[in-house]
């Protein structure tokens, strides 16, 4: 009888060990599923926009002034700076590239889309790195690598409405549904920055800021740049009635007066 009792006791102990092991396995499986679920949304993008499901992480607008010709040297440097700007757009960041035309507010969109991130930016447990790499190359990497060579370089236009172009970018992009609270907004302007329209012309008025404020251009093209970081890629021209340093000060004041954050002015190489 004693031996039978010991057998039952040992069998009972084995059942307990098996139950504990099964319980631990269940906990591990639940933890694994929980981990997978917590990561399932990370790296996922909207297939129609290539943006994160909760919207772009940042907005970058590039405005290229196509209203006057650019020398070979300056164009080469502009392409270099252009590629640097592209490289700063992080995965999930949205980029739109425009060219400025002679009609105020008339912009041509050269590129429009999010950086989906290449294959190295996604988790292989929840995404397909090879598929993401192909998407990045087709939708972002390849088009933007080719774009600098497609920057227009035409003859001089009748007007250079830079302020109106900036206003249009603010209204159509920085105030759009793509803009999310607290996320970066960046504006890069590649131009000689010589504003020239029927309402106000720096060729006629020079750089007296008060003359600009008193003009109809301030009321017509004025816009809020609140929360926007502004960088100028400056194209220098030999025939302008003022010094480049004074010109930079004018635009610094213009950006700050419109509540933007003036980051820097990069002087492009070459004289035009």
Protein backbone atom coordinates (compact mmCIF):
# COMPACT_ATOMS: atom_id res chain seq x y z
CA UNK A 1 0.00 0.00 0.00
CA UNK A 2 2.79 2.39 0.86
CA UNK A 3 4.38 1.84 -2.53
CA UNK A 4 1.13 2.58 -4.36
CA UNK A 5 0.73 5.81 -2.36
CA UNK A 6 4.20 6.92 -3.38
CA UNK A 7 3.36 6.28 -7.04
CA UNK A 8 0.24 8.42 -6.79
CA UNK A 9 2.26 11.16 -5.11
CA UNK A 10 4.92 11.10 -7.82
CA UNK A 11 2.24 11.15 -10.52
CA UNK A 12 0.57 14.11 -8.87
CA UNK A 13 3.87 15.99 -8.74
CA UNK A 14 4.45 15.32 -12.45
CA UNK A 15 1.04 16.73 -13.26
CA UNK A 16 1.85 19.89 -11.32
CA UNK A 17 5.19 20.32 -13.13
CA UNK A 18 3.50 19.86 -16.51
CA UNK A 19 0.80 22.38 -15.61
CA UNK A 20 3.40 24.93 -14.49
CA UNK A 21 5.38 24.40 -17.69
CA UNK A 22 2.25 24.81 -19.78
CA UNK A 23 1.37 27.96 -17.88
CA UNK A 24 4.83 29.43 -18.44
CA UNK A 25 4.63 28.56 -22.13
CA UNK A 26 1.25 30.28 -22.37
CA UNK A 27 2.62 33.38 -20.67
CA UNK A 28 5.60 33.41 -23.06
CA UNK A 29 3.31 33.06 -26.05
CA UNK A 30 1.06 35.85 -24.82
CA UNK A 31 4.11 38.06 -24.24
CA UNK A 32 5.34 37.26 -27.74
CA UNK A 33 1.98 38.10 -29.29
CA UNK A 34 1.86 41.29 -27.24
CA UNK A 35 5.33 42.29 -28.44
CA UNK A 36 4.38 41.59 -32.05
CA UNK A 37 1.16 43.57 -31.68
CA UNK A 38 2.96 46.52 -30.11
CA UNK A 39 5.33 46.65 -33.07
CA UNK A 40 2.83 45.86 -35.78
CA UNK A 41 2.04 49.54 -36.44
CA UNK A 42 5.64 50.67 -36.47
CA UNK A 43 7.08 51.24 -39.92
CA UNK A 44 3.67 50.84 -41.57
CA UNK A 45 2.86 53.37 -44.31
CA UNK A 46 -0.17 54.53 -46.23
CA UNK A 47 0.20 52.87 -49.64
CA UNK A 48 -1.39 55.82 -51.43
CA UNK A 49 1.01 58.46 -50.01
CA UNK A 50 3.99 56.47 -48.66
CA UNK A 51 3.56 58.50 -45.46
CA UNK A 52 3.24 57.03 -41.94
CA UNK A 53 -0.32 56.08 -41.02
CA UNK A 54 -0.51 58.98 -38.56
CA UNK A 55 0.80 61.52 -41.08
CA UNK A 56 4.22 62.88 -42.14
CA UNK A 57 6.88 63.35 -39.48
CA UNK A 58 7.92 66.64 -41.13
CA UNK A 59 7.22 68.84 -44.17
CA UNK A 60 10.00 70.12 -46.42
CA UNK A 61 9.30 72.51 -49.30
CA UNK A 62 11.95 73.51 -51.84
CA UNK A 63 11.31 76.49 -54.11
CA UNK A 64 13.62 76.85 -57.11
CA UNK A 65 13.51 80.25 -58.81
CA UNK A 66 13.29 79.52 -62.53
CA UNK A 67 12.63 83.11 -63.60
CA UNK A 68 16.25 83.93 -64.48
CA UNK A 69 19.14 81.93 -65.99
CA UNK A 70 21.76 80.30 -63.76
CA UNK A 71 25.43 79.88 -64.67
CA UNK A 72 27.01 76.45 -65.08
CA UNK A 73 29.08 76.84 -61.89
CA UNK A 74 26.14 77.99 -59.79
CA UNK A 75 23.91 75.26 -61.17
CA UNK A 76 26.50 72.62 -60.22
CA UNK A 77 26.64 73.96 -56.65
CA UNK A 78 22.85 74.21 -56.53
CA UNK A 79 22.60 70.52 -57.44
CA UNK A 80 25.00 69.67 -54.61
CA UNK A 81 22.98 71.66 -52.05
CA UNK A 82 19.78 70.22 -53.47
CA UNK A 83 21.00 66.67 -52.80
CA UNK A 84 22.00 67.64 -49.26
CA UNK A 85 18.48 68.94 -48.66
CA UNK A 86 16.99 65.69 -49.93
CA UNK A 87 19.32 63.71 -47.66
CA UNK A 88 18.00 65.54 -44.59
CA UNK A 89 14.43 64.33 -45.14
CA UNK A 90 14.05 61.53 -42.61
CA UNK A 91 11.92 58.39 -43.16
CA UNK A 92 8.33 59.51 -42.83
CA UNK A 93 9.17 63.05 -43.89
CA UNK A 94 7.22 64.67 -46.72
CA UNK A 95 8.87 66.66 -49.51
CA UNK A 96 7.43 68.89 -52.19
CA UNK A 97 9.62 70.62 -54.78
CA UNK A 98 8.41 73.60 -56.79
CA UNK A 99 9.71 75.90 -59.48
CA UNK A 100 8.79 79.58 -59.41
CA UNK A 101 7.14 81.04 -62.51
CA UNK A 102 6.64 84.67 -63.52
CA UNK A 103 2.95 84.88 -62.57
CA UNK A 104 2.49 85.58 -58.82
CA UNK A 105 1.37 82.44 -57.03
CA UNK A 106 1.97 80.22 -60.06
CA UNK A 107 4.21 77.31 -59.06
CA UNK A 108 5.09 74.10 -60.88
CA UNK A 109 5.37 70.97 -58.71
CA UNK A 110 8.39 68.87 -59.72
CA UNK A 111 8.14 66.27 -56.96
CA UNK A 112 5.58 65.45 -54.31
CA UNK A 113 5.74 62.61 -51.77
CA UNK A 114 6.93 61.03 -48.53
CA UNK A 115 10.20 59.28 -47.84
CA UNK A 116 8.97 55.75 -47.06
CA UNK A 117 12.36 54.73 -45.67
CA UNK A 118 14.60 52.17 -47.33
CA UNK A 119 14.93 48.51 -46.37
CA UNK A 120 17.25 49.28 -43.45
CA UNK A 121 14.61 51.35 -41.67
CA UNK A 122 12.01 48.62 -41.12
CA UNK A 123 11.72 45.69 -38.73
CA UNK A 124 12.05 42.36 -40.56
CA UNK A 125 9.59 40.80 -38.07
CA UNK A 126 6.75 43.08 -39.07
CA UNK A 127 7.77 44.35 -42.54
CA UNK A 128 9.47 43.14 -45.70
CA UNK A 129 12.82 44.98 -46.04
CA UNK A 130 13.27 43.94 -49.69
CA UNK A 131 9.83 45.21 -50.65
CA UNK A 132 10.39 48.46 -48.73
CA UNK A 133 13.75 49.00 -50.45
CA UNK A 134 12.10 48.69 -53.86
CA UNK A 135 9.34 51.09 -52.82
CA UNK A 136 11.92 53.63 -51.59
CA UNK A 137 13.92 53.39 -54.82
CA UNK A 138 10.88 53.70 -57.07
CA UNK A 139 8.97 56.39 -55.19
CA UNK A 140 11.71 58.50 -53.58
CA UNK A 141 15.35 57.63 -54.16
CA UNK A 142 15.54 57.29 -57.95
CA UNK A 143 13.21 60.20 -58.89
CA UNK A 144 15.04 62.60 -56.59
CA UNK A 145 18.48 61.48 -57.75
CA UNK A 146 17.45 62.43 -61.31
CA UNK A 147 15.61 65.62 -60.39
CA UNK A 148 18.61 67.99 -60.00
CA UNK A 149 19.40 67.51 -63.68
CA UNK A 150 15.85 68.54 -64.55
CA UNK A 151 15.97 71.94 -62.83
CA UNK A 152 14.86 74.44 -65.51
CA UNK A 153 17.33 77.07 -66.65
CA UNK A 154 15.44 79.37 -69.00
CA UNK A 155 15.81 82.97 -70.12
CA UNK A 156 14.78 85.89 -67.89
CA UNK A 157 11.08 86.21 -67.16
CA UNK A 158 9.12 89.44 -66.82
CA UNK A 159 8.66 89.06 -63.03
CA UNK A 160 10.20 87.24 -60.05
CA UNK A 161 7.35 86.95 -57.51
CA UNK A 162 9.28 85.23 -54.71
CA UNK A 163 7.04 86.47 -51.89
CA UNK A 164 3.89 85.29 -53.65
CA UNK A 165 5.51 81.90 -54.20
CA UNK A 166 6.32 81.55 -50.51
CA UNK A 167 2.77 82.58 -49.63
CA UNK A 168 1.38 79.90 -51.97
CA UNK A 169 3.58 77.22 -50.37
CA UNK A 170 2.40 78.22 -46.92
CA UNK A 171 -1.26 78.07 -47.90
CA UNK A 172 -1.10 74.88 -49.99
CA UNK A 173 1.33 72.82 -47.89
CA UNK A 174 2.12 74.19 -44.45
CA UNK A 175 -1.56 74.91 -43.74
CA UNK A 176 -2.81 71.68 -45.33
CA UNK A 177 -4.06 68.49 -43.69
CA UNK A 178 -0.54 67.07 -44.05
CA UNK A 179 0.72 69.46 -41.37
CA UNK A 180 0.59 67.97 -37.87
CA UNK A 181 0.91 69.89 -34.62
CA UNK A 182 4.48 70.04 -33.35
CA UNK A 183 6.09 68.52 -36.46
CA UNK A 184 8.87 70.33 -38.32
CA UNK A 185 8.20 72.58 -41.31
CA UNK A 186 11.15 73.52 -43.50
CA UNK A 187 11.36 75.88 -46.45
CA UNK A 188 14.39 76.06 -48.74
CA UNK A 189 14.46 78.81 -51.38
CA UNK A 190 17.02 78.66 -54.19
CA UNK A 191 16.99 82.11 -55.78
CA UNK A 192 18.77 85.39 -56.37
CA UNK A 193 16.05 86.73 -54.02
CA UNK A 194 15.50 89.85 -56.12
CA UNK A 195 11.76 90.42 -55.71
CA UNK A 196 10.39 92.00 -58.86
CA UNK A 197 6.66 92.44 -59.48
CA UNK A 198 4.28 95.20 -60.51
CA UNK A 199 3.46 95.83 -56.82
CA UNK A 200 7.02 96.01 -55.53
CA UNK A 201 10.45 95.71 -57.12
CA UNK A 202 13.83 95.74 -55.45
CA UNK A 203 15.28 97.00 -58.71
CA UNK A 204 13.13 100.13 -58.32
CA UNK A 205 12.93 100.49 -54.54
CA UNK A 206 16.26 99.08 -53.40
CA UNK A 207 16.41 97.45 -49.95
CA UNK A 208 14.70 100.10 -47.83
CA UNK A 209 12.47 97.83 -45.75
CA UNK A 210 10.00 100.61 -45.01
CA UNK A 211 9.41 101.09 -48.73
CA UNK A 212 8.44 97.45 -48.91
CA UNK A 213 6.12 97.77 -45.89
CA UNK A 214 4.45 100.79 -47.50
CA UNK A 215 3.90 98.94 -50.79
CA UNK A 216 0.86 96.94 -51.82
CA UNK A 217 3.07 93.83 -51.92
CA UNK A 218 3.22 93.64 -48.13
CA UNK A 219 -0.56 93.51 -47.85
CA UNK A 220 -1.02 91.28 -50.90
CA UNK A 221 1.74 88.72 -50.43
CA UNK A 222 2.32 88.91 -46.69
CA UNK A 223 1.93 85.56 -44.97
CA UNK A 224 2.49 83.96 -41.56
CA UNK A 225 5.53 81.67 -41.41
CA UNK A 226 4.94 80.70 -37.81
CA UNK A 227 6.81 77.48 -37.08
CA UNK A 228 8.62 77.42 -40.44
CA UNK A 229 12.43 77.12 -40.62
CA UNK A 230 13.72 79.04 -43.66
CA UNK A 231 17.00 78.49 -45.53
CA UNK A 232 18.07 80.48 -48.60
CA UNK A 233 20.39 79.10 -51.28
CA UNK A 234 21.58 82.44 -52.62
CA UNK A 235 22.33 82.92 -56.31
CA UNK A 236 24.60 85.95 -56.71
CA UNK A 237 24.10 88.30 -59.65
CA UNK A 238 26.58 90.86 -60.89
CA UNK A 239 23.95 93.35 -62.02
CA UNK A 240 22.02 94.26 -58.90
CA UNK A 241 21.79 97.72 -57.33
CA UNK A 242 22.82 96.65 -53.80
CA UNK A 243 25.30 94.54 -51.85
CA UNK A 244 24.68 90.85 -51.14
CA UNK A 245 25.14 91.34 -47.38
CA UNK A 246 22.47 94.07 -47.30
CA UNK A 247 20.23 91.83 -49.37
CA UNK A 248 20.65 89.01 -46.85
CA UNK A 249 19.71 91.39 -44.02
CA UNK A 250 16.54 92.41 -45.85
CA UNK A 251 15.36 88.83 -46.20
CA UNK A 252 16.32 87.96 -42.64
CA UNK A 253 14.08 90.82 -41.51
CA UNK A 254 11.32 89.73 -43.90
CA UNK A 255 11.28 86.16 -42.58
CA UNK A 256 11.39 87.23 -38.95
CA UNK A 257 8.71 89.89 -39.47
CA UNK A 258 6.47 87.13 -40.80
CA UNK A 259 7.19 85.01 -37.70
CA UNK A 260 9.45 82.49 -39.43
CA UNK A 261 12.74 81.12 -38.13
CA UNK A 262 15.59 82.26 -40.37
CA UNK A 263 18.12 79.40 -40.31
CA UNK A 264 20.86 80.44 -42.71
CA UNK A 265 21.78 81.85 -46.10
CA UNK A 266 24.11 79.68 -48.16
CA UNK A 267 25.92 81.59 -50.89
CA UNK A 268 26.14 79.42 -54.00
CA UNK A 269 29.37 79.48 -55.95
CA UNK A 270 29.73 81.39 -59.20
CA UNK A 271 28.55 84.77 -60.46
CA UNK A 272 25.52 85.14 -62.67
